[in-house]
Protein backbone atom coordinates (compact mmCIF):
# COMPACT_ATOMS: atom_id res chain seq x y z
CA UNK A 1 24.05 -50.31 -7.87
CA UNK A 2 20.69 -49.93 -6.11
CA UNK A 3 22.24 -47.46 -3.68
CA UNK A 4 23.61 -45.38 -6.56
CA UNK A 5 20.23 -45.29 -8.34
CA UNK A 6 18.48 -44.37 -5.09
CA UNK A 7 20.93 -41.55 -4.43
CA UNK A 8 20.52 -40.30 -8.00
CA UNK A 9 16.73 -40.28 -7.70
CA UNK A 10 16.99 -38.43 -4.39
CA UNK A 11 19.22 -35.79 -5.97
CA UNK A 12 16.80 -35.38 -8.90
CA UNK A 13 13.85 -34.92 -6.56
CA UNK A 14 15.75 -32.35 -4.51
CA UNK A 15 16.73 -30.45 -7.64
CA UNK A 16 13.13 -30.49 -8.88
CA UNK A 17 11.84 -29.18 -5.53
CA UNK A 18 14.40 -26.38 -5.42
CA UNK A 19 13.62 -25.40 -9.02
CA UNK A 20 9.89 -25.32 -8.24
CA UNK A 21 10.41 -23.10 -5.17
CA UNK A 22 12.68 -20.77 -7.14
CA UNK A 23 10.07 -20.53 -9.89
CA UNK A 24 7.43 -19.61 -7.32
CA UNK A 25 9.69 -16.94 -5.82
CA UNK A 26 10.45 -15.55 -9.28
CA UNK A 27 6.75 -15.36 -10.05
CA UNK A 28 6.01 -13.67 -6.72
CA UNK A 29 8.67 -11.01 -7.32
CA UNK A 30 8.40 -10.55 -11.09
CA UNK A 31 10.32 -7.45 -12.20
CA UNK A 32 11.06 -6.73 -8.54
CA UNK A 33 7.41 -6.26 -7.54
CA UNK A 34 6.36 -8.03 -4.33
CA UNK A 35 2.81 -8.61 -3.19
CA UNK A 36 1.87 -7.30 0.26
CA UNK A 37 -1.64 -8.81 0.29
CA UNK A 38 -2.45 -12.47 -0.33
CA UNK A 39 -6.05 -11.88 -1.42
CA UNK A 40 -7.39 -14.26 1.22
CA UNK A 41 -6.96 -12.68 4.65
CA UNK A 42 -5.17 -9.88 6.49
CA UNK A 43 -2.05 -11.88 7.30
CA UNK A 44 0.88 -9.46 7.56
CA UNK A 45 -1.38 -6.52 8.39
CA UNK A 46 -2.38 -5.07 11.76
CA UNK A 47 -5.18 -2.79 12.90
CA UNK A 48 -5.81 -1.27 16.32
CA UNK A 49 -9.13 0.35 17.16
CA UNK A 50 -12.25 -0.55 15.16
CA UNK A 51 -10.65 -3.61 13.57
CA UNK A 52 -13.99 -4.69 12.06
CA UNK A 53 -13.70 -1.79 9.61
CA UNK A 54 -11.43 -4.04 7.51
CA UNK A 55 -12.40 -7.36 5.95
CA UNK A 56 -11.54 -9.42 2.87
CA UNK A 57 -14.12 -10.07 0.19
CA UNK A 58 -13.70 -11.41 -3.37
CA UNK A 59 -9.92 -11.07 -3.20
CA UNK A 60 -9.93 -7.46 -2.03
CA UNK A 61 -9.61 -5.60 1.26
CA UNK A 62 -12.96 -3.99 1.99
CA UNK A 63 -12.93 -0.82 4.09
CA UNK A 64 -16.26 0.02 5.71
CA UNK A 65 -16.88 1.30 9.21
CA UNK A 66 -15.65 3.76 11.85
CA UNK A 67 -12.24 5.40 11.63
CA UNK A 68 -9.47 2.81 11.61
CA UNK A 69 -6.07 2.25 10.00
CA UNK A 70 -4.65 -1.01 8.67
CA UNK A 71 -0.84 -1.12 8.83
CA UNK A 72 1.42 -3.43 6.89
CA UNK A 73 3.48 -5.33 9.48
CA UNK A 74 4.72 -8.22 7.34
CA UNK A 75 8.13 -9.62 6.48
CA UNK A 76 8.84 -7.70 3.27
CA UNK A 77 11.71 -5.30 4.08
CA UNK A 78 10.77 -5.93 7.72
CA UNK A 79 7.89 -3.48 6.99
CA UNK A 80 10.31 -0.57 6.88
CA UNK A 81 10.51 1.06 3.45
CA UNK A 82 12.56 4.06 2.38
CA UNK A 83 12.81 4.30 -1.41
CA UNK A 84 10.19 2.32 -3.30
CA UNK A 85 7.49 2.08 -5.91
CA UNK A 86 4.04 1.16 -4.58
CA UNK A 87 0.81 0.46 -6.37
CA UNK A 88 -2.67 -0.76 -5.55
CA UNK A 89 -5.85 -1.35 -7.51
CA UNK A 90 -8.59 0.68 -5.85
CA UNK A 91 -12.35 1.15 -6.15
CA UNK A 92 -14.42 3.73 -4.28
CA UNK A 93 -18.15 3.70 -3.74
CA UNK A 94 -20.05 7.01 -3.99
CA UNK A 95 -19.17 9.48 -1.22
CA UNK A 96 -16.18 7.46 0.03
CA UNK A 97 -13.04 8.87 1.60
CA UNK A 98 -9.86 6.90 2.35
CA UNK A 99 -6.11 7.18 1.99
CA UNK A 100 -2.80 5.39 1.65
CA UNK A 101 -0.12 6.37 4.19
CA UNK A 102 3.58 6.06 3.42
CA UNK A 103 6.61 6.26 5.75
CA UNK A 104 4.28 5.79 8.71
CA UNK A 105 4.31 3.58 11.80
CA UNK A 106 1.74 1.52 13.70
CA UNK A 107 -0.59 3.32 16.10
CA UNK A 108 -3.31 1.74 18.20
CA UNK A 109 -5.71 4.60 17.47
CA UNK A 110 -6.19 8.08 16.06
CA UNK A 111 -5.00 9.48 12.74
CA UNK A 112 -1.46 8.35 11.84
CA UNK A 113 0.95 11.04 13.01
CA UNK A 114 3.95 9.89 10.94
CA UNK A 115 4.50 10.16 7.20
CA UNK A 116 2.37 11.35 4.30
CA UNK A 117 -1.17 10.47 3.26
CA UNK A 118 -2.01 9.97 -0.42
CA UNK A 119 -5.70 10.70 -0.83
CA UNK A 120 -8.43 8.33 -2.04
CA UNK A 121 -11.58 10.40 -2.64
CA UNK A 122 -13.52 10.90 -5.85
CA UNK A 123 -16.89 12.30 -4.72
CA UNK A 124 -16.82 12.89 -0.96
CA UNK A 125 -17.39 16.44 0.33
CA UNK A 126 -13.68 17.05 0.98
CA UNK A 127 -12.48 18.78 -2.21
CA UNK A 128 -8.99 17.24 -1.98
CA UNK A 129 -9.29 14.50 -4.57
CA UNK A 130 -7.68 11.15 -5.27
CA UNK A 131 -3.92 11.40 -5.65
CA UNK A 132 -3.47 14.44 -3.40
CA UNK A 133 -0.45 14.44 -1.13
CA UNK A 134 -2.84 15.46 1.60
CA UNK A 135 -2.45 19.06 2.81
CA UNK A 136 0.92 19.29 1.03
CA UNK A 137 0.07 19.13 -2.69
CA UNK A 138 -3.70 18.94 -3.09
CA UNK A 139 -5.39 17.85 -6.32
CA UNK A 140 -8.71 19.48 -7.24
CA UNK A 141 -9.35 17.51 -10.41
CA UNK A 142 -11.07 14.12 -10.41
CA UNK A 143 -9.32 11.62 -12.66
CA UNK A 144 -11.38 8.49 -11.98
CA UNK A 145 -14.97 7.61 -11.12
CA UNK A 146 -16.66 5.73 -8.31
CA UNK A 147 -17.58 2.08 -8.91
CA UNK A 148 -14.60 1.44 -11.20
CA UNK A 149 -11.20 -0.06 -10.53
CA UNK A 150 -8.20 2.19 -11.04
CA UNK A 151 -4.47 2.07 -10.21
CA UNK A 152 -2.93 4.35 -7.59
CA UNK A 153 0.87 4.47 -7.86
CA UNK A 154 3.33 6.09 -5.47
CA UNK A 155 7.08 6.42 -5.92
CA UNK A 156 9.49 7.69 -3.27
CA UNK A 157 13.11 8.20 -4.21
CA UNK A 158 15.27 10.39 -2.04
CA UNK A 159 13.23 13.51 -1.27
CA UNK A 160 10.94 13.15 -4.30
CA UNK A 161 7.38 11.78 -4.28
CA UNK A 162 5.51 10.98 -7.49
CA UNK A 163 1.84 9.99 -7.50
CA UNK A 164 0.11 8.60 -10.57
CA UNK A 165 -3.54 7.77 -11.13
CA UNK A 166 -3.90 5.31 -14.02
CA UNK A 167 -0.44 6.39 -15.30
CA UNK A 168 -1.32 10.09 -15.14
CA UNK A 169 1.13 12.04 -12.97
CA UNK A 170 -0.96 14.13 -10.55
CA UNK A 171 1.75 14.97 -7.98
CA UNK A 172 5.50 15.46 -8.42
CA UNK A 173 6.81 16.90 -5.17
CA UNK A 174 10.31 17.33 -3.80
CA UNK A 175 10.52 17.84 -0.07
CA UNK A 176 12.66 20.90 0.75
CA UNK A 177 15.54 20.80 3.19
CA UNK A 178 13.62 22.39 6.05
CA UNK A 179 9.91 22.03 5.28
CA UNK A 180 7.56 24.20 7.32
CA UNK A 181 4.93 22.02 9.01
CA UNK A 182 2.47 23.44 11.51
CA UNK A 183 0.53 21.72 14.28
CA UNK A 184 -0.62 18.23 13.40
CA UNK A 185 1.45 18.29 10.20
CA UNK A 186 4.83 18.47 11.95
CA UNK A 187 5.65 14.81 11.20
CA UNK A 188 4.54 14.92 7.56
CA UNK A 189 8.10 14.19 6.52
CA UNK A 190 10.02 11.62 4.53
CA UNK A 191 12.08 9.23 6.62
CA UNK A 192 11.20 5.54 6.38
CA UNK A 193 8.35 3.36 7.56
CA UNK A 194 5.43 1.20 6.55
CA UNK A 195 2.17 1.60 4.63
CA UNK A 196 -1.33 2.01 6.04
CA UNK A 197 -4.81 1.97 4.54
CA UNK A 198 -7.34 4.36 6.01
CA UNK A 199 -10.90 3.75 7.11
CA UNK A 200 -12.15 7.32 7.24
CA UNK A 201 -15.77 7.19 8.42
CA UNK A 202 -18.81 4.85 8.58
CA UNK A 203 -20.21 6.24 5.32
CA UNK A 204 -17.13 5.38 3.25
CA UNK A 205 -16.76 2.09 1.37
CA UNK A 206 -13.49 1.43 -0.49
CA UNK A 207 -11.82 -1.69 -1.90
CA UNK A 208 -8.09 -2.40 -2.32
CA UNK A 209 -6.43 -5.30 -4.16
CA UNK A 210 -3.19 -6.11 -6.01
CA UNK A 211 -1.21 -4.25 -3.35
CA UNK A 212 2.42 -4.36 -4.48
CA UNK A 213 5.74 -2.81 -3.62
CA UNK A 214 9.05 -2.62 -5.45
CA UNK A 215 11.90 -1.64 -3.10
CA UNK A 216 14.47 0.60 -4.74
CA UNK A 217 18.21 0.48 -4.02
């Protein structure tokens, strides 16, 4: 009898543990969205040159310093995304320039040569504003202000890229069959790859948090 009760208790504890883990996983991937940043450190991310440009403060990635790029290298989709929805909560300080790269790959230094850059820039001297698909579809209008949090959303499905700033569609671009790309733009193409956050220059200060992805079938 004691053995039966002991076995029953063991089964109940196992069931409770499994249920708890499943609940955590469900919470972490609610509606298919998966967090890429834990809010505590840069686990799952990798930077080459000028690594000190990136730090974590008050639950956000702070970007401040010389040119550098922080690449997602974590376990989600083995950091290789094709079709997806992506979003991050972003705040720029006055005069800041940054960007979010998609379909890119890790480089030790220099500007990422693969994939597209989605611009983060509300008041810096470069007229290509936040939400621009940089040098491909450039946005002149400014939809958000410095010193306030906003949402930057990117969707890639097939050959189509949609960019939203606070739910306003600012770019809806379909890559043609044989896009013409000159010089340094030759690899600005959709394929697959990871995400990267840009540290543009020492005068730029930008914050990123709530970095999420929703892989699409």
